[in-house]
PDB file of N, CA and C in Angstrom:
ATOM      1  N   MET A   1       0.559  -1.113  -0.063  1.00  0.00           N
ATOM      2  CA  MET A   1      -0.086  -0.062  -0.288  1.00  0.00           C
ATOM      3  C   MET A   1       0.914   1.360  -0.016  1.00  0.00           C
ATOM      4  N   GLY A   2       2.085   1.222   0.546  1.00  0.00           N
ATOM      5  CA  GLY A   2       2.620   2.257   0.682  1.00  0.00           C
ATOM      6  C   GLY A   2       3.434   2.976  -0.759  1.00  0.00           C
ATOM      7  N   LEU A   3       3.670   2.249  -1.697  1.00  0.00           N
ATOM      8  CA  LEU A   3       4.070   2.867  -2.693  1.00  0.00           C
ATOM      9  C   LEU A   3       2.841   3.351  -3.751  1.00  0.00           C
ATOM     10  N   LEU A   4       1.714   2.598  -3.505  1.00  0.00           N
ATOM     11  CA  LEU A   4       0.758   2.612  -4.299  1.00  0.00           C
ATOM     12  C   LEU A   4      -0.122   4.009  -4.083  1.00  0.00           C
ATOM     13  N   HIS A   5       0.243   4.010  -2.781  1.00  0.00           N
ATOM     14  CA  HIS A   5      -0.615   5.294  -2.292  1.00  0.00           C
ATOM     15  C   HIS A   5       0.221   6.632  -2.355  1.00  0.00           C
ATOM     16  N   ILE A   6       1.390   6.640  -2.685  1.00  0.00           N
ATOM     17  CA  ILE A   6       2.196   7.893  -3.090  1.00  0.00           C
ATOM     18  C   ILE A   6       1.785   8.121  -4.757  1.00  0.00           C
ATOM     19  N   ILE A   7       1.703   7.090  -5.304  1.00  0.00           N
ATOM     20  CA  ILE A   7       1.537   7.113  -6.787  1.00  0.00           C
ATOM     21  C   ILE A   7       0.089   7.641  -7.174  1.00  0.00           C
ATOM     22  N   TYR A   8      -0.780   7.100  -6.431  1.00  0.00           N
ATOM     23  CA  TYR A   8      -2.101   7.712  -6.687  1.00  0.00           C
ATOM     24  C   TYR A   8      -2.535   8.572  -5.560  1.00  0.00           C
ATOM     25  N   LYS A   9      -1.897   9.128  -5.122  1.00  0.00           N
ATOM     26  CA  LYS A   9      -2.246  10.588  -3.908  1.00  0.00           C
ATOM     27  C   LYS A   9      -3.037  11.439  -4.811  1.00  0.00           C
ATOM     28  N   LYS A  10      -3.794  12.050  -4.541  1.00  0.00           N
ATOM     29  CA  LYS A  10      -4.259  13.340  -4.964  1.00  0.00           C
ATOM     30  C   LYS A  10      -3.745  14.300  -4.612  1.00  0.00           C
ATOM     31  N   PRO A  11      -3.508  15.661  -5.955  1.00  0.00           N
ATOM     32  CA  PRO A  11      -2.683  16.696  -5.864  1.00  0.00           C
ATOM     33  C   PRO A  11      -3.546  17.576  -4.821  1.00  0.00           C
ATOM     34  N   SER A  12      -3.334  18.386  -4.302  1.00  0.00           N
ATOM     35  CA  SER A  12      -3.888  19.081  -3.060  1.00  0.00           C
ATOM     36  C   SER A  12      -5.101  19.991  -3.831  1.00  0.00           C
ATOM     37  N   GLY A  13      -4.789  20.529  -5.190  1.00  0.00           N
ATOM     38  CA  GLY A  13      -5.975  21.406  -5.420  1.00  0.00           C
ATOM     39  C   GLY A  13      -6.966  20.672  -5.659  1.00  0.00           C
ATOM     40  N   LYS A  14      -6.916  19.151  -6.070  1.00  0.00           N
ATOM     41  CA  LYS A  14      -8.197  18.420  -6.260  1.00  0.00           C
ATOM     42  C   LYS A  14      -8.568  17.764  -5.148  1.00  0.00           C
ATOM     43  N   LEU A  15      -7.886  17.677  -4.116  1.00  0.00           N
ATOM     44  CA  LEU A  15      -8.151  17.286  -2.994  1.00  0.00           C
ATOM     45  C   LEU A  15      -9.050  18.675  -2.046  1.00  0.00           C
ATOM     46  N   ALA A  16      -8.683  19.830  -2.089  1.00  0.00           N
ATOM     47  CA  ALA A  16      -9.244  21.192  -1.793  1.00  0.00           C
ATOM     48  C   ALA A  16     -10.619  21.420  -2.706  1.00  0.00           C
ATOM     49  N   LYS A  17     -10.374  21.118  -3.560  1.00  0.00           N
ATOM     50  CA  LYS A  17     -11.768  21.106  -4.691  1.00  0.00           C
ATOM     51  C   LYS A  17     -13.006  20.118  -4.096  1.00  0.00           C
ATOM     52  N   ASP A  18     -12.470  18.937  -3.932  1.00  0.00           N
ATOM     53  CA  ASP A  18     -13.500  17.897  -3.393  1.00  0.00           C
ATOM     54  C   ASP A  18     -14.026  18.362  -2.000  1.00  0.00           C
ATOM     55  N   ARG A  19     -13.160  18.647  -1.394  1.00  0.00           N
ATOM     56  CA  ARG A  19     -13.548  18.986   0.035  1.00  0.00           C
ATOM     57  C   ARG A  19     -14.856  20.100   0.348  1.00  0.00           C
ATOM     58  N   LEU A  20     -14.753  21.320  -0.800  1.00  0.00           N
ATOM     59  CA  LEU A  20     -15.269  22.505  -0.982  1.00  0.00           C
ATOM     60  C   LEU A  20     -16.553  21.943  -1.555  1.00  0.00           C
ATOM     61  N   LYS A  21     -16.891  20.711  -2.533  1.00  0.00           N
ATOM     62  CA  LYS A  21     -18.268  20.495  -3.225  1.00  0.00           C
ATOM     63  C   LYS A  21     -18.828  19.564  -2.013  1.00  0.00           C
ATOM     64  N   ILE A  22     -18.032  18.843  -0.912  1.00  0.00           N
ATOM     65  CA  ILE A  22     -18.964  18.512   0.077  1.00  0.00           C
ATOM     66  C   ILE A  22     -19.434  19.306   1.141  1.00  0.00           C
ATOM     67  N   LEU A  23     -18.438  20.539   1.099  1.00  0.00           N
ATOM     68  CA  LEU A  23     -19.015  21.213   2.282  1.00  0.00           C
ATOM     69  C   LEU A  23     -20.311  21.983   1.694  1.00  0.00           C
ATOM     70  N   LEU A  24     -20.334  22.229   0.391  1.00  0.00           N
ATOM     71  CA  LEU A  24     -21.462  23.234  -0.304  1.00  0.00           C
ATOM     72  C   LEU A  24     -22.727  22.229  -0.246  1.00  0.00           C
ATOM     73  N   ILE A  25     -22.506  20.708  -0.541  1.00  0.00           N
ATOM     74  CA  ILE A  25     -23.515  19.998  -0.578  1.00  0.00           C
ATOM     75  C   ILE A  25     -24.177  19.590   0.584  1.00  0.00           C
ATOM     76  N   SER A  26     -23.102  19.471   1.513  1.00  0.00           N
ATOM     77  CA  SER A  26     -23.777  19.373   3.131  1.00  0.00           C
ATOM     78  C   SER A  26     -24.541  20.252   3.638  1.00  0.00           C
ATOM     79  N   ASP A  27     -23.942  21.634   3.105  1.00  0.00           N
ATOM     80  CA  ASP A  27     -24.566  22.672   3.611  1.00  0.00           C
ATOM     81  C   ASP A  27     -25.706  22.914   3.168  1.00  0.00           C
ATOM     82  N   ARG A  28     -26.169  22.737   2.122  1.00  0.00           N
ATOM     83  CA  ARG A  28     -27.508  22.902   1.200  1.00  0.00           C
ATOM     84  C   ARG A  28     -28.706  21.659   2.020  1.00  0.00           C
ATOM     85  N   LEU A  29     -27.969  20.629   2.726  1.00  0.00           N
ATOM     86  CA  LEU A  29     -29.010  19.422   2.990  1.00  0.00           C
ATOM     87  C   LEU A  29     -28.706  19.437   4.367  1.00  0.00           C
ATOM     88  N   ASN A  30     -28.224  20.643   5.266  1.00  0.00           N
ATOM     89  CA  ASN A  30     -28.175  20.951   7.033  1.00  0.00           C
ATOM     90  C   ASN A  30     -27.201  19.635   7.319  1.00  0.00           C
ATOM     91  N   CYS A  31     -26.215  18.956   6.912  1.00  0.00           N
ATOM     92  CA  CYS A  31     -25.518  18.108   7.363  1.00  0.00           C
ATOM     93  C   CYS A  31     -24.260  18.780   7.466  1.00  0.00           C
ATOM     94  N   SER A  32     -23.697  18.670   8.414  1.00  0.00           N
ATOM     95  CA  SER A  32     -22.284  19.101   8.532  1.00  0.00           C
ATOM     96  C   SER A  32     -21.383  18.281   8.564  1.00  0.00           C
ATOM     97  N   PRO A  33     -19.891  19.159   7.981  1.00  0.00           N
ATOM     98  CA  PRO A  33     -19.082  18.282   7.585  1.00  0.00           C
ATOM     99  C   PRO A  33     -18.543  17.355   8.629  1.00  0.00           C
ATOM    100  N   GLU A  34     -18.558  17.609   9.756  1.00  0.00           N
ATOM    101  CA  GLU A  34     -18.544  16.627  11.017  1.00  0.00           C
ATOM    102  C   GLU A  34     -19.235  15.257  10.854  1.00  0.00           C
ATOM    103  N   MET A  35     -20.758  15.722  10.450  1.00  0.00           N
ATOM    104  CA  MET A  35     -21.472  14.391  10.178  1.00  0.00           C
ATOM    105  C   MET A  35     -21.377  13.842   8.763  1.00  0.00           C
ATOM    106  N   MET A  36     -20.795  14.347   7.795  1.00  0.00           N
ATOM    107  CA  MET A  36     -20.306  13.982   6.707  1.00  0.00           C
ATOM    108  C   MET A  36     -19.108  12.880   7.253  1.00  0.00           C
ATOM    109  N   GLU A  37     -18.305  12.857   7.580  1.00  0.00           N
ATOM    110  CA  GLU A  37     -16.988  12.642   7.919  1.00  0.00           C
ATOM    111  C   GLU A  37     -17.496  11.430   8.962  1.00  0.00           C
ATOM    112  N   MET A  38     -18.585  11.309   9.988  1.00  0.00           N
ATOM    113  CA  MET A  38     -19.043  10.401  10.803  1.00  0.00           C
ATOM    114  C   MET A  38     -19.382   9.239   9.449  1.00  0.00           C
ATOM    115  N   ILE A  39     -20.349   9.762   8.820  1.00  0.00           N
ATOM    116  CA  ILE A  39     -21.275   8.884   7.746  1.00  0.00           C
ATOM    117  C   ILE A  39     -19.780   8.030   7.230  1.00  0.00           C
ATOM    118  N   LYS A  40     -19.008   8.855   6.452  1.00  0.00           N
ATOM    119  CA  LYS A  40     -17.933   8.091   5.829  1.00  0.00           C
ATOM    120  C   LYS A  40     -17.121   7.043   6.519  1.00  0.00           C
ATOM    121  N   MET A  41     -16.915   7.603   7.742  1.00  0.00           N
ATOM    122  CA  MET A  41     -16.174   6.251   8.635  1.00  0.00           C
ATOM    123  C   MET A  41     -17.008   5.080   9.184  1.00  0.00           C
ATOM    124  N   ASP A  42     -18.367   5.105   9.066  1.00  0.00           N
ATOM    125  CA  ASP A  42     -19.138   4.439   9.515  1.00  0.00           C
ATOM    126  C   ASP A  42     -19.378   3.548   8.472  1.00  0.00           C
ATOM    127  N   ILE A  43     -19.566   4.123   7.107  1.00  0.00           N
ATOM    128  CA  ILE A  43     -19.591   2.988   6.082  1.00  0.00           C
ATOM    129  C   ILE A  43     -18.342   2.429   5.487  1.00  0.00           C
ATOM    130  N   ALA A  44     -17.023   3.145   6.016  1.00  0.00           N
ATOM    131  CA  ALA A  44     -15.808   2.361   5.901  1.00  0.00           C
ATOM    132  C   ALA A  44     -15.680   1.264   6.742  1.00  0.00           C
ATOM    133  N   LYS A  45     -16.459   1.290   7.948  1.00  0.00           N
ATOM    134  CA  LYS A  45     -16.140   0.438   8.987  1.00  0.00           C
ATOM    135  C   LYS A  45     -16.863  -0.769   8.595  1.00  0.00           C
ATOM    136  N   VAL A  46     -18.139  -0.506   8.244  1.00  0.00           N
ATOM    137  CA  VAL A  46     -19.053  -1.470   7.846  1.00  0.00           C
ATOM    138  C   VAL A  46     -18.592  -2.452   6.769  1.00  0.00           C
ATOM    139  N   ILE A  47     -18.068  -1.770   5.690  1.00  0.00           N
ATOM    140  CA  ILE A  47     -17.299  -2.416   4.525  1.00  0.00           C
ATOM    141  C   ILE A  47     -16.222  -3.403   4.729  1.00  0.00           C
ATOM    142  N   SER A  48     -15.737  -2.717   5.626  1.00  0.00           N
ATOM    143  CA  SER A  48     -14.287  -3.073   5.703  1.00  0.00           C
ATOM    144  C   SER A  48     -14.564  -4.693   6.461  1.00  0.00           C
ATOM    145  N   LYS A  49     -15.537  -5.000   7.156  1.00  0.00           N
ATOM    146  CA  LYS A  49     -15.704  -6.137   7.672  1.00  0.00           C
ATOM    147  C   LYS A  49     -15.969  -7.274   6.845  1.00  0.00           C
ATOM    148  N   TYR A  50     -15.797  -7.121   5.197  1.00  0.00           N
ATOM    149  CA  TYR A  50     -15.964  -7.860   4.298  1.00  0.00           C
ATOM    150  C   TYR A  50     -14.977  -7.800   3.342  1.00  0.00           C
ATOM    151  N   MET A  51     -14.042  -6.682   3.355  1.00  0.00           N
ATOM    152  CA  MET A  51     -13.224  -6.438   2.316  1.00  0.00           C
ATOM    153  C   MET A  51     -12.274  -5.026   2.975  1.00  0.00           C
ATOM    154  N   GLN A  52     -10.987  -5.352   2.459  1.00  0.00           N
ATOM    155  CA  GLN A  52     -10.114  -4.248   2.910  1.00  0.00           C
ATOM    156  C   GLN A  52     -10.161  -3.032   2.001  1.00  0.00           C
ATOM    157  N   VAL A  53     -10.383  -1.805   2.786  1.00  0.00           N
ATOM    158  CA  VAL A  53     -10.920  -0.759   2.203  1.00  0.00           C
ATOM    159  C   VAL A  53     -10.130   0.436   2.383  1.00  0.00           C
ATOM    160  N   ASP A  54      -9.399   1.344   1.567  1.00  0.00           N
ATOM    161  CA  ASP A  54      -8.777   2.751   1.521  1.00  0.00           C
ATOM    162  C   ASP A  54      -9.554   3.784   1.888  1.00  0.00           C
ATOM    163  N   ALA A  55     -10.093   4.146   3.511  1.00  0.00           N
ATOM    164  CA  ALA A  55     -10.914   4.798   3.976  1.00  0.00           C
ATOM    165  C   ALA A  55     -10.376   6.148   3.654  1.00  0.00           C
ATOM    166  N   GLN A  56      -9.139   6.472   3.395  1.00  0.00           N
ATOM    167  CA  GLN A  56      -8.965   7.895   3.231  1.00  0.00           C
ATOM    168  C   GLN A  56      -8.947   8.568   2.101  1.00  0.00           C
ATOM    169  N   SER A  57      -8.580   7.556   1.075  1.00  0.00           N
ATOM    170  CA  SER A  57      -9.119   7.752  -0.288  1.00  0.00           C
ATOM    171  C   SER A  57     -10.622   7.623  -0.789  1.00  0.00           C
ATOM    172  N   MET A  58     -11.546   7.483   0.320  1.00  0.00           N
ATOM    173  CA  MET A  58     -12.677   7.165   0.013  1.00  0.00           C
ATOM    174  C   MET A  58     -13.649   8.432  -0.048  1.00  0.00           C
ATOM    175  N   GLU A  59     -14.438   8.472  -1.118  1.00  0.00           N
ATOM    176  CA  GLU A  59     -15.499   9.721  -1.315  1.00  0.00           C
ATOM    177  C   GLU A  59     -16.611   9.628  -1.250  1.00  0.00           C
ATOM    178  N   ILE A  60     -17.402  10.297  -0.473  1.00  0.00           N
ATOM    179  CA  ILE A  60     -19.094  10.603  -0.199  1.00  0.00           C
ATOM    180  C   ILE A  60     -19.646  11.691  -0.995  1.00  0.00           C
ATOM    181  N   GLN A  61     -20.618  11.813  -1.196  1.00  0.00           N
ATOM    182  CA  GLN A  61     -21.254  12.936  -1.435  1.00  0.00           C
ATOM    183  C   GLN A  61     -22.895  12.964  -1.428  1.00  0.00           C
ATOM    184  N   ILE A  62     -23.780  13.668  -1.102  1.00  0.00           N
ATOM    185  CA  ILE A  62     -24.993  13.874  -0.943  1.00  0.00           C
ATOM    186  C   ILE A  62     -25.685  14.497  -2.185  1.00  0.00           C
ATOM    187  N   THR A  63     -26.484  14.346  -2.945  1.00  0.00           N
ATOM    188  CA  THR A  63     -27.147  15.289  -3.876  1.00  0.00           C
ATOM    189  C   THR A  63     -28.603  15.132  -3.907  1.00  0.00           C
ATOM    190  N   ARG A  64     -29.365  16.012  -4.266  1.00  0.00           N
ATOM    191  CA  ARG A  64     -30.571  16.139  -4.384  1.00  0.00           C
ATOM    192  C   ARG A  64     -31.085  15.459  -5.677  1.00  0.00           C
ATOM    193  N   GLU A  65     -31.784  14.407  -5.871  1.00  0.00           N
ATOM    194  CA  GLU A  65     -32.588  14.063  -7.121  1.00  0.00           C
ATOM    195  C   GLU A  65     -34.158  13.804  -6.977  1.00  0.00           C
ATOM    196  N   ALA A  66     -34.699  14.043  -8.199  1.00  0.00           N
ATOM    197  CA  ALA A  66     -36.115  13.481  -8.199  1.00  0.00           C
ATOM    198  C   ALA A  66     -36.108  11.788  -8.161  1.00  0.00           C
ATOM    199  N   ALA A  67     -37.104  11.631  -7.160  1.00  0.00           N
ATOM    200  CA  ALA A  67     -36.981  10.026  -7.647  1.00  0.00           C
ATOM    201  C   ALA A  67     -38.202   9.954  -8.429  1.00  0.00           C
ATOM    202  N   ARG A  68     -37.983   8.576  -8.588  1.00  0.00           N
ATOM    203  CA  ARG A  68     -39.387   8.102  -9.734  1.00  0.00           C
ATOM    204  C   ARG A  68     -40.409   8.301  -9.236  1.00  0.00           C
ATOM    205  N   GLY A  69     -41.242   9.056 -10.133  1.00  0.00           N
ATOM    206  CA  GLY A  69     -42.858   9.216  -9.847  1.00  0.00           C
ATOM    207  C   GLY A  69     -42.921  10.638  -8.669  1.00  0.00           C
ATOM    208  N   ARG A  70     -41.761  10.906  -8.290  1.00  0.00           N
ATOM    209  CA  ARG A  70     -41.896  12.140  -7.211  1.00  0.00           C
ATOM    210  C   ARG A  70     -41.855  13.383  -7.944  1.00  0.00           C
ATOM    211  N   VAL A  71     -42.333  14.536  -7.317  1.00  0.00           N
ATOM    212  CA  VAL A  71     -41.954  15.775  -8.069  1.00  0.00           C
ATOM    213  C   VAL A  71     -40.975  16.698  -6.695  1.00  0.00           C
ATOM    214  N   MET A  72     -40.974  16.176  -5.267  1.00  0.00           N
ATOM    215  CA  MET A  72     -39.805  16.589  -4.370  1.00  0.00           C
ATOM    216  C   MET A  72     -38.917  15.993  -5.064  1.00  0.00           C
ATOM    217  N   LYS A  73     -37.533  16.639  -4.465  1.00  0.00           N
ATOM    218  CA  LYS A  73     -36.246  15.789  -4.937  1.00  0.00           C
ATOM    219  C   LYS A  73     -35.680  15.301  -3.604  1.00  0.00           C
ATOM    220  N   SER A  74     -35.315  14.208  -3.483  1.00  0.00           N
ATOM    221  CA  SER A  74     -34.864  13.332  -2.540  1.00  0.00           C
ATOM    222  C   SER A  74     -33.352  13.165  -2.478  1.00  0.00           C
ATOM    223  N   PRO A  75     -32.739  13.311  -1.218  1.00  0.00           N
ATOM    224  CA  PRO A  75     -31.441  13.452  -0.965  1.00  0.00           C
ATOM    225  C   PRO A  75     -31.015  11.577  -1.166  1.00  0.00           C
ATOM    226  N   ILE A  76     -29.938  11.741  -2.162  1.00  0.00           N
ATOM    227  CA  ILE A  76     -29.198  10.441  -2.416  1.00  0.00           C
ATOM    228  C   ILE A  76     -28.062  10.480  -2.136  1.00  0.00           C
ATOM    229  N   LEU A  77     -27.475   9.510  -1.483  1.00  0.00           N
ATOM    230  CA  LEU A  77     -25.980   9.416  -0.999  1.00  0.00           C
ATOM    231  C   LEU A  77     -25.248   8.533  -2.202  1.00  0.00           C
ATOM    232  N   TYR A  78     -24.071   8.920  -2.326  1.00  0.00           N
ATOM    233  CA  TYR A  78     -22.826   8.419  -3.632  1.00  0.00           C
ATOM    234  C   TYR A  78     -21.922   8.048  -2.774  1.00  0.00           C
ATOM    235  N   ALA A  79     -21.140   6.750  -2.804  1.00  0.00           N
ATOM    236  CA  ALA A  79     -20.045   6.555  -1.991  1.00  0.00           C
ATOM    237  C   ALA A  79     -19.107   6.119  -3.171  1.00  0.00           C
ATOM    238  N   ASN A  80     -18.037   6.749  -3.076  1.00  0.00           N
ATOM    239  CA  ASN A  80     -16.562   6.128  -3.853  1.00  0.00           C
ATOM    240  C   ASN A  80     -15.742   4.997  -2.894  1.00  0.00           C
ATOM    241  N   VAL A  81     -15.823   3.960  -2.818  1.00  0.00           N
ATOM    242  CA  VAL A  81     -15.240   3.173  -1.979  1.00  0.00           C
ATOM    243  C   VAL A  81     -14.178   2.314  -2.646  1.00  0.00           C
ATOM    244  N   PRO A  82     -12.731   2.908  -2.451  1.00  0.00           N
ATOM    245  CA  PRO A  82     -11.721   2.338  -3.039  1.00  0.00           C
ATOM    246  C   PRO A  82     -11.510   0.527  -2.429  1.00  0.00           C
ATOM    247  N   ILE A  83     -11.664  -0.478  -2.932  1.00  0.00           N
ATOM    248  CA  ILE A  83     -11.275  -1.913  -2.279  1.00  0.00           C
ATOM    249  C   ILE A  83     -10.057  -2.445  -2.893  1.00  0.00           C
ATOM    250  N   MET A  84      -9.064  -2.341  -1.679  1.00  0.00           N
ATOM    251  CA  MET A  84      -8.157  -3.117  -1.834  1.00  0.00           C
ATOM    252  C   MET A  84      -7.662  -4.583  -1.921  1.00  0.00           C
ATOM    253  N   ASP A  85      -8.754  -5.188  -1.363  1.00  0.00           N
ATOM    254  CA  ASP A  85      -8.573  -6.592  -1.124  1.00  0.00           C
ATOM    255  C   ASP A  85      -9.880  -7.107  -0.876  1.00  0.00           C
ATOM    256  N   MET A  86      -9.832  -8.419  -1.046  1.00  0.00           N
ATOM    257  CA  MET A  86     -11.130  -9.184  -0.278  1.00  0.00           C
ATOM    258  C   MET A  86     -10.972 -10.168   0.804  1.00  0.00           C
ATOM    259  N   LYS A  87     -11.691 -10.105   1.839  1.00  0.00           N
ATOM    260  CA  LYS A  87     -11.495 -10.620   2.928  1.00  0.00           C
ATOM    261  C   LYS A  87     -12.173 -12.185   2.785  1.00  0.00           C
ATOM    262  N   HIS A  88     -11.528 -13.225   3.032  1.00  0.00           N
ATOM    263  CA  HIS A  88     -11.882 -14.613   2.896  1.00  0.00           C
ATOM    264  C   HIS A  88     -12.484 -15.205   4.093  1.00  0.00           C
TER     265      HIS A  88
END
């Protein structure tokens, strides 16, 4: 993991942009950055029971989209979870 982590490390500008996007989305949904981080860690904890994940590179975002047959937009959680290995 050490060498691969260095090779695939995000540039600081990209990381700052991603954090700002999460902050703006969470602000619109009244979800604090601390709450977003807690959600991220909880998701990583549950998934790590079954596979090895890179929680530091994990990205989550909450958006609002219209659900099928609904006029109101519902919050939707998207998670990008880098899987490093499967547990057997």
